């Protein structure tokens, strides 16, 4: 049974964290203004811009920040400021009891996929969605899906019938999982690796600026690790900047088909969540979803992300 956090209410506080890279204050200010415009208070510390090499401060600082946000009863949801690199280093140092004591909506994408895997192992529903210092700007994210994921208000997200390009026809229902492909592949062999759901998995995969041969390698790694067992359907993101180079006489879609040959499940590409040119959609991970690939193709979230 999935653990759904309590729904966020208007006027309650969202805490910002930087578990990966540092973020400049002006980017944070824009995200704070957007969240306040949606009717929430925002708590953001100056440490979001602290820098230790390529991360927002030391592992200890970033772990403490997450623990403190979860321990603070006034903070009712947590939104990451940005991705980058470094979130995986936090996982061995996180105290599961801090999270299970007071589950809260948790939002982010890219490198934050590592934390989605960690929280998913605890049974939590989390949100693959826009981050305060990068994509929480009017026109760059999908406010309806974010509010539905945080508050439970409005219908759960469903893509439009012309959003997805079909790679393999079919229909499937399962638990929605996934995130950034490079992080999913990097987690293989660790205690936080993507694992199959007994009820079947609808797997969402996205990434940015990865060459097709690297995508093939990472998908093969996931297959060989057993992560794709019991996957009932796969929907790829926009895969921004992942196409073939000039002179290469094949397509990314052909590479995906070859990498997943023999996996007889519906597949589609083009969902605008994560690294995308289209408005960034918020996807609840850990809830049931339906993928339909045919004359009308769509991904439908079938239940609320919050209680």
Protein backbone atom coordinates (compact mmCIF):
# COMPACT_ATOMS: atom_id res chain seq x y z
CA UNK A 1 0.00 0.00 0.00
CA UNK A 2 1.46 3.35 -1.06
CA UNK A 3 2.01 5.98 1.63
CA UNK A 4 0.36 9.18 0.45
CA UNK A 5 1.26 12.43 2.24
CA UNK A 6 -1.45 14.69 3.55
CA UNK A 7 -2.72 17.12 0.94
CA UNK A 8 -1.18 20.58 1.01
CA UNK A 9 -3.65 23.33 1.86
CA UNK A 10 -3.79 26.92 0.70
CA UNK A 11 -1.66 29.18 2.90
CA UNK A 12 0.56 26.36 4.18
CA UNK A 13 4.33 26.42 3.90
CA UNK A 14 6.49 24.81 1.21
CA UNK A 15 10.14 24.33 2.12
CA UNK A 16 12.85 24.57 -0.53
CA UNK A 17 15.92 22.33 -0.48
CA UNK A 18 19.07 21.98 -2.59
CA UNK A 19 20.09 18.31 -2.43
CA UNK A 20 22.24 18.53 -5.56
CA UNK A 21 23.73 21.63 -7.17
CA UNK A 22 23.75 25.22 -5.85
CA UNK A 23 21.29 27.77 -7.16
CA UNK A 24 21.58 31.53 -7.62
CA UNK A 25 19.36 33.75 -5.47
CA UNK A 26 17.57 35.42 -8.38
CA UNK A 27 16.43 32.04 -9.73
CA UNK A 28 15.16 31.09 -6.29
CA UNK A 29 13.29 34.40 -5.98
CA UNK A 30 11.39 33.72 -9.19
CA UNK A 31 10.34 30.26 -7.97
CA UNK A 32 9.34 31.61 -4.57
CA UNK A 33 7.18 34.27 -6.23
CA UNK A 34 5.46 31.65 -8.37
CA UNK A 35 4.68 29.39 -5.40
CA UNK A 36 3.40 32.36 -3.42
CA UNK A 37 1.22 33.28 -6.38
CA UNK A 38 -0.31 29.80 -6.15
CA UNK A 39 -1.34 30.60 -2.57
CA UNK A 40 1.45 29.09 -0.46
CA UNK A 41 4.06 30.40 1.95
CA UNK A 42 7.65 29.50 1.13
CA UNK A 43 10.63 28.83 3.37
CA UNK A 44 14.00 29.16 1.62
CA UNK A 45 17.38 29.36 3.34
CA UNK A 46 20.45 31.22 2.11
CA UNK A 47 22.27 27.88 2.04
CA UNK A 48 20.60 27.00 -1.28
CA UNK A 49 23.41 28.94 -2.95
CA UNK A 50 26.26 27.52 -0.87
CA UNK A 51 28.85 25.77 -3.02
CA UNK A 52 31.23 22.89 -2.41
CA UNK A 53 32.71 22.05 -5.81
CA UNK A 54 29.61 21.17 -7.90
CA UNK A 55 27.16 20.69 -5.02
CA UNK A 56 25.16 22.98 -2.74
CA UNK A 57 27.47 22.51 0.19
CA UNK A 58 28.71 19.38 1.93
CA UNK A 59 26.87 16.08 2.16
CA UNK A 60 26.33 16.84 5.86
CA UNK A 61 24.73 20.22 5.11
CA UNK A 62 22.40 18.81 2.48
CA UNK A 63 21.37 15.84 4.64
CA UNK A 64 20.70 18.15 7.59
CA UNK A 65 18.58 20.41 5.40
CA UNK A 66 16.32 17.53 4.34
CA UNK A 67 16.06 16.18 7.88
CA UNK A 68 15.17 19.61 9.25
CA UNK A 69 12.50 20.25 6.62
CA UNK A 70 10.83 16.93 7.37
CA UNK A 71 11.09 17.54 11.13
CA UNK A 72 9.53 21.00 10.90
CA UNK A 73 5.75 20.63 11.44
CA UNK A 74 5.12 23.99 9.79
CA UNK A 75 6.58 22.80 6.47
CA UNK A 76 3.90 20.77 4.69
CA UNK A 77 5.59 20.10 1.33
CA UNK A 78 9.13 20.14 -0.04
CA UNK A 79 10.23 21.36 -3.47
CA UNK A 80 13.79 20.99 -4.71
CA UNK A 81 15.53 24.10 -5.99
CA UNK A 82 17.43 22.40 -8.81
CA UNK A 83 19.08 19.17 -9.94
CA UNK A 84 22.68 18.94 -11.08
CA UNK A 85 24.72 16.28 -9.30
CA UNK A 86 25.29 14.93 -5.82
CA UNK A 87 21.92 13.67 -4.54
CA UNK A 88 23.02 10.03 -4.69
CA UNK A 89 25.75 10.78 -2.13
CA UNK A 90 23.08 11.62 0.43
CA UNK A 91 21.30 8.27 0.39
CA UNK A 92 23.52 6.29 2.80
CA UNK A 93 23.30 9.12 5.35
CA UNK A 94 19.53 9.68 5.38
CA UNK A 95 17.53 8.63 8.43
CA UNK A 96 14.38 6.86 7.23
CA UNK A 97 12.64 7.54 10.54
CA UNK A 98 12.79 11.30 9.81
CA UNK A 99 10.72 10.76 6.66
CA UNK A 100 8.26 8.15 7.88
CA UNK A 101 7.36 10.22 10.96
CA UNK A 102 5.70 12.90 8.82
CA UNK A 103 5.33 12.13 5.09
CA UNK A 104 5.15 15.27 2.92
CA UNK A 105 4.73 15.92 -0.80
CA UNK A 106 8.22 15.96 -2.35
CA UNK A 107 8.85 17.49 -5.80
CA UNK A 108 11.82 17.48 -8.18
CA UNK A 109 13.37 15.86 -11.25
CA UNK A 110 16.75 15.21 -12.90
CA UNK A 111 19.37 14.34 -10.24
CA UNK A 112 16.54 14.32 -7.68
CA UNK A 113 15.54 10.96 -9.20
CA UNK A 114 17.94 9.46 -6.62
CA UNK A 115 15.71 10.79 -3.84
CA UNK A 116 12.57 9.56 -5.59
CA UNK A 117 14.14 6.08 -5.55
CA UNK A 118 15.00 6.40 -1.85
CA UNK A 119 11.54 7.62 -0.85
CA UNK A 120 9.91 5.08 -3.16
CA UNK A 121 11.72 2.31 -1.26
CA UNK A 122 10.05 3.66 1.89
CA UNK A 123 6.69 3.32 0.14
CA UNK A 124 6.06 7.04 -0.41
CA UNK A 125 4.31 8.67 -3.33
CA UNK A 126 6.50 11.50 -4.66
CA UNK A 127 6.19 13.98 -7.52
CA UNK A 128 8.41 14.15 -10.62
CA UNK A 129 7.87 17.83 -11.31
CA UNK A 130 9.25 21.36 -11.69
CA UNK A 131 11.91 22.79 -9.40
CA UNK A 132 11.81 26.19 -7.75
CA UNK A 133 15.09 27.48 -9.13
CA UNK A 134 14.74 26.24 -12.69
CA UNK A 135 11.29 25.58 -14.15
CA UNK A 136 8.79 27.11 -11.73
CA UNK A 137 8.22 30.08 -14.00
CA UNK A 138 4.95 30.96 -15.72
CA UNK A 139 4.76 29.20 -19.06
CA UNK A 140 7.49 26.67 -18.24
CA UNK A 141 5.46 24.33 -16.05
CA UNK A 142 1.95 22.86 -15.95
CA UNK A 143 0.24 24.42 -12.91
CA UNK A 144 -2.85 22.17 -13.00
CA UNK A 145 -0.86 18.95 -12.65
CA UNK A 146 1.36 20.45 -9.93
CA UNK A 147 -1.62 21.61 -7.89
CA UNK A 148 -3.40 18.28 -8.37
CA UNK A 149 -0.28 16.43 -7.15
CA UNK A 150 0.19 18.71 -4.11
CA UNK A 151 -3.38 19.43 -3.05
CA UNK A 152 -5.50 16.69 -4.61
CA UNK A 153 -7.72 19.35 -6.15
CA UNK A 154 -8.78 18.88 -9.75
CA UNK A 155 -8.53 15.75 -11.85
CA UNK A 156 -5.30 13.73 -11.80
CA UNK A 157 -3.06 14.40 -14.80
CA UNK A 158 -3.88 12.94 -18.20
CA UNK A 159 -1.91 13.76 -21.34
CA UNK A 160 -3.72 14.98 -24.43
CA UNK A 161 -4.35 12.47 -27.21
CA UNK A 162 -1.80 14.11 -29.53
CA UNK A 163 1.02 14.47 -26.95
CA UNK A 164 2.60 11.05 -27.42
CA UNK A 165 4.18 9.30 -30.39
CA UNK A 166 3.50 5.56 -30.35
CA UNK A 167 6.52 3.26 -30.48
CA UNK A 168 4.57 0.05 -29.79
CA UNK A 169 0.79 -0.32 -29.55
CA UNK A 170 -1.11 -1.69 -26.58
CA UNK A 171 -2.64 -0.74 -23.25
CA UNK A 172 -1.42 -1.37 -19.72
CA UNK A 173 -2.09 -0.39 -16.11
CA UNK A 174 0.54 -0.37 -13.39
CA UNK A 175 2.32 1.66 -10.72
CA UNK A 176 3.99 4.74 -12.20
CA UNK A 177 7.74 4.81 -11.53
CA UNK A 178 10.83 6.28 -13.10
CA UNK A 179 12.65 9.54 -13.69
CA UNK A 180 15.95 10.51 -15.26
CA UNK A 181 17.48 7.56 -17.11
CA UNK A 182 21.09 8.25 -16.16
CA UNK A 183 20.15 8.22 -12.45
CA UNK A 184 18.03 5.10 -12.79
CA UNK A 185 20.93 3.31 -14.47
CA UNK A 186 23.45 4.59 -11.91
CA UNK A 187 21.31 3.18 -9.09
CA UNK A 188 21.45 -0.37 -10.49
CA UNK A 189 23.25 -2.62 -8.02
CA UNK A 190 22.70 -0.28 -5.08
CA UNK A 191 20.19 -0.68 -2.22
CA UNK A 192 18.03 2.00 -3.88
CA UNK A 193 17.84 0.50 -7.36
CA UNK A 194 14.61 0.66 -9.32
CA UNK A 195 12.75 -2.56 -8.61
CA UNK A 196 9.68 -4.14 -10.20
CA UNK A 197 6.24 -3.64 -8.68
CA UNK A 198 4.26 -6.81 -7.97
CA UNK A 199 1.22 -5.09 -9.48
CA UNK A 200 3.19 -4.20 -12.61
CA UNK A 201 5.02 -0.99 -13.46
CA UNK A 202 4.35 1.81 -15.91
CA UNK A 203 7.86 3.14 -16.37
CA UNK A 204 8.52 6.79 -17.21
CA UNK A 205 12.00 7.51 -18.58
CA UNK A 206 13.48 10.87 -19.54
CA UNK A 207 16.88 12.50 -19.93
CA UNK A 208 18.66 15.37 -21.64
CA UNK A 209 21.61 15.64 -24.04
CA UNK A 210 22.50 11.96 -23.96
CA UNK A 211 23.71 10.41 -27.23
CA UNK A 212 21.69 7.42 -28.51
CA UNK A 213 24.56 4.97 -27.87
CA UNK A 214 24.59 6.03 -24.21
CA UNK A 215 20.81 5.65 -23.98
CA UNK A 216 21.16 2.14 -25.42
CA UNK A 217 23.85 1.34 -22.84
CA UNK A 218 21.75 2.60 -19.92
CA UNK A 219 18.59 0.79 -21.04
CA UNK A 220 20.62 -2.39 -21.45
CA UNK A 221 22.01 -1.93 -17.94
CA UNK A 222 18.48 -1.61 -16.54
CA UNK A 223 17.37 -4.74 -18.43
CA UNK A 224 20.35 -6.81 -17.28
CA UNK A 225 19.90 -5.66 -13.67
CA UNK A 226 16.31 -6.95 -13.62
CA UNK A 227 14.79 -3.49 -13.19
CA UNK A 228 12.46 -3.95 -16.17
CA UNK A 229 10.92 -7.20 -14.96
CA UNK A 230 7.14 -6.87 -14.66
CA UNK A 231 7.17 -3.53 -16.50
CA UNK A 232 3.82 -3.36 -18.29
CA UNK A 233 4.38 -0.18 -20.31
CA UNK A 234 7.07 2.43 -20.97
CA UNK A 235 6.59 6.12 -21.73
CA UNK A 236 9.60 8.24 -22.61
CA UNK A 237 9.86 11.96 -22.04
CA UNK A 238 10.74 14.48 -24.69
CA UNK A 239 14.35 13.20 -24.61
CA UNK A 240 15.54 16.74 -25.24
CA UNK A 241 18.82 16.89 -27.15
CA UNK A 242 19.07 13.08 -27.35
CA UNK A 243 18.56 12.72 -31.10
CA UNK A 244 21.10 11.47 -33.61
CA UNK A 245 23.82 13.71 -35.02
CA UNK A 246 24.04 14.87 -38.63
CA UNK A 247 25.12 12.02 -40.89
CA UNK A 248 23.93 9.25 -38.59
CA UNK A 249 21.50 7.17 -40.62
CA UNK A 250 19.27 6.01 -37.80
CA UNK A 251 16.85 7.60 -35.34
CA UNK A 252 16.56 7.67 -31.58
CA UNK A 253 13.25 5.85 -31.91
CA UNK A 254 14.98 2.99 -33.76
CA UNK A 255 17.59 2.78 -31.01
CA UNK A 256 14.87 2.59 -28.34
CA UNK A 257 13.09 -0.17 -30.25
CA UNK A 258 16.31 -2.18 -30.58
CA UNK A 259 17.30 -1.65 -26.93
CA UNK A 260 13.91 -2.91 -25.75
CA UNK A 261 13.39 -5.62 -28.36
CA UNK A 262 11.52 -8.60 -26.96
CA UNK A 263 9.83 -6.53 -24.28
CA UNK A 264 6.30 -6.86 -25.59
CA UNK A 265 4.67 -3.89 -23.86
CA UNK A 266 3.13 -0.62 -25.08
CA UNK A 267 5.65 2.17 -25.55
CA UNK A 268 5.41 5.85 -26.40
CA UNK A 269 7.62 8.94 -26.44
CA UNK A 270 7.04 12.66 -25.96
CA UNK A 271 5.69 13.16 -22.43
CA UNK A 272 6.66 16.66 -21.29
CA UNK A 273 7.91 16.03 -17.76
CA UNK A 274 11.43 16.77 -16.56
CA UNK A 275 13.88 18.13 -19.14
CA UNK A 276 11.51 19.51 -21.71
CA UNK A 277 10.80 22.46 -23.98
CA UNK A 278 7.07 22.16 -23.29
CA UNK A 279 5.49 23.09 -19.95
CA UNK A 280 6.88 20.72 -17.30
CA UNK A 281 4.18 18.29 -16.16
CA UNK A 282 4.05 16.96 -12.59
CA UNK A 283 3.80 13.15 -12.44
CA UNK A 284 3.02 11.39 -9.15
CA UNK A 285 5.35 8.40 -8.76
CA UNK A 286 3.98 5.44 -6.81
CA UNK A 287 0.33 5.64 -7.92
CA UNK A 288 -1.60 3.67 -10.53
CA UNK A 289 -1.51 4.89 -14.12
CA UNK A 290 -2.73 3.71 -17.52
CA UNK A 291 -0.71 3.92 -20.73
CA UNK A 292 -2.70 3.62 -23.96
CA UNK A 293 -0.85 3.44 -27.27
CA UNK A 294 -3.10 3.28 -30.32
CA UNK A 295 -5.22 5.54 -32.49
CA UNK A 296 -5.67 7.66 -29.36
CA UNK A 297 -2.62 7.57 -27.11
CA UNK A 298 -2.27 8.97 -23.62
CA UNK A 299 -0.87 8.50 -20.13
CA UNK A 300 -3.53 8.75 -17.42
CA UNK A 301 -2.85 9.04 -13.69
CA UNK A 302 -5.63 7.01 -12.09
CA UNK A 303 -5.53 8.19 -8.47
CA UNK A 304 -4.63 11.11 -6.26
CA UNK A 305 -1.05 11.56 -5.07
CA UNK A 306 -2.17 12.81 -1.64
CA UNK A 307 -4.53 11.74 1.12
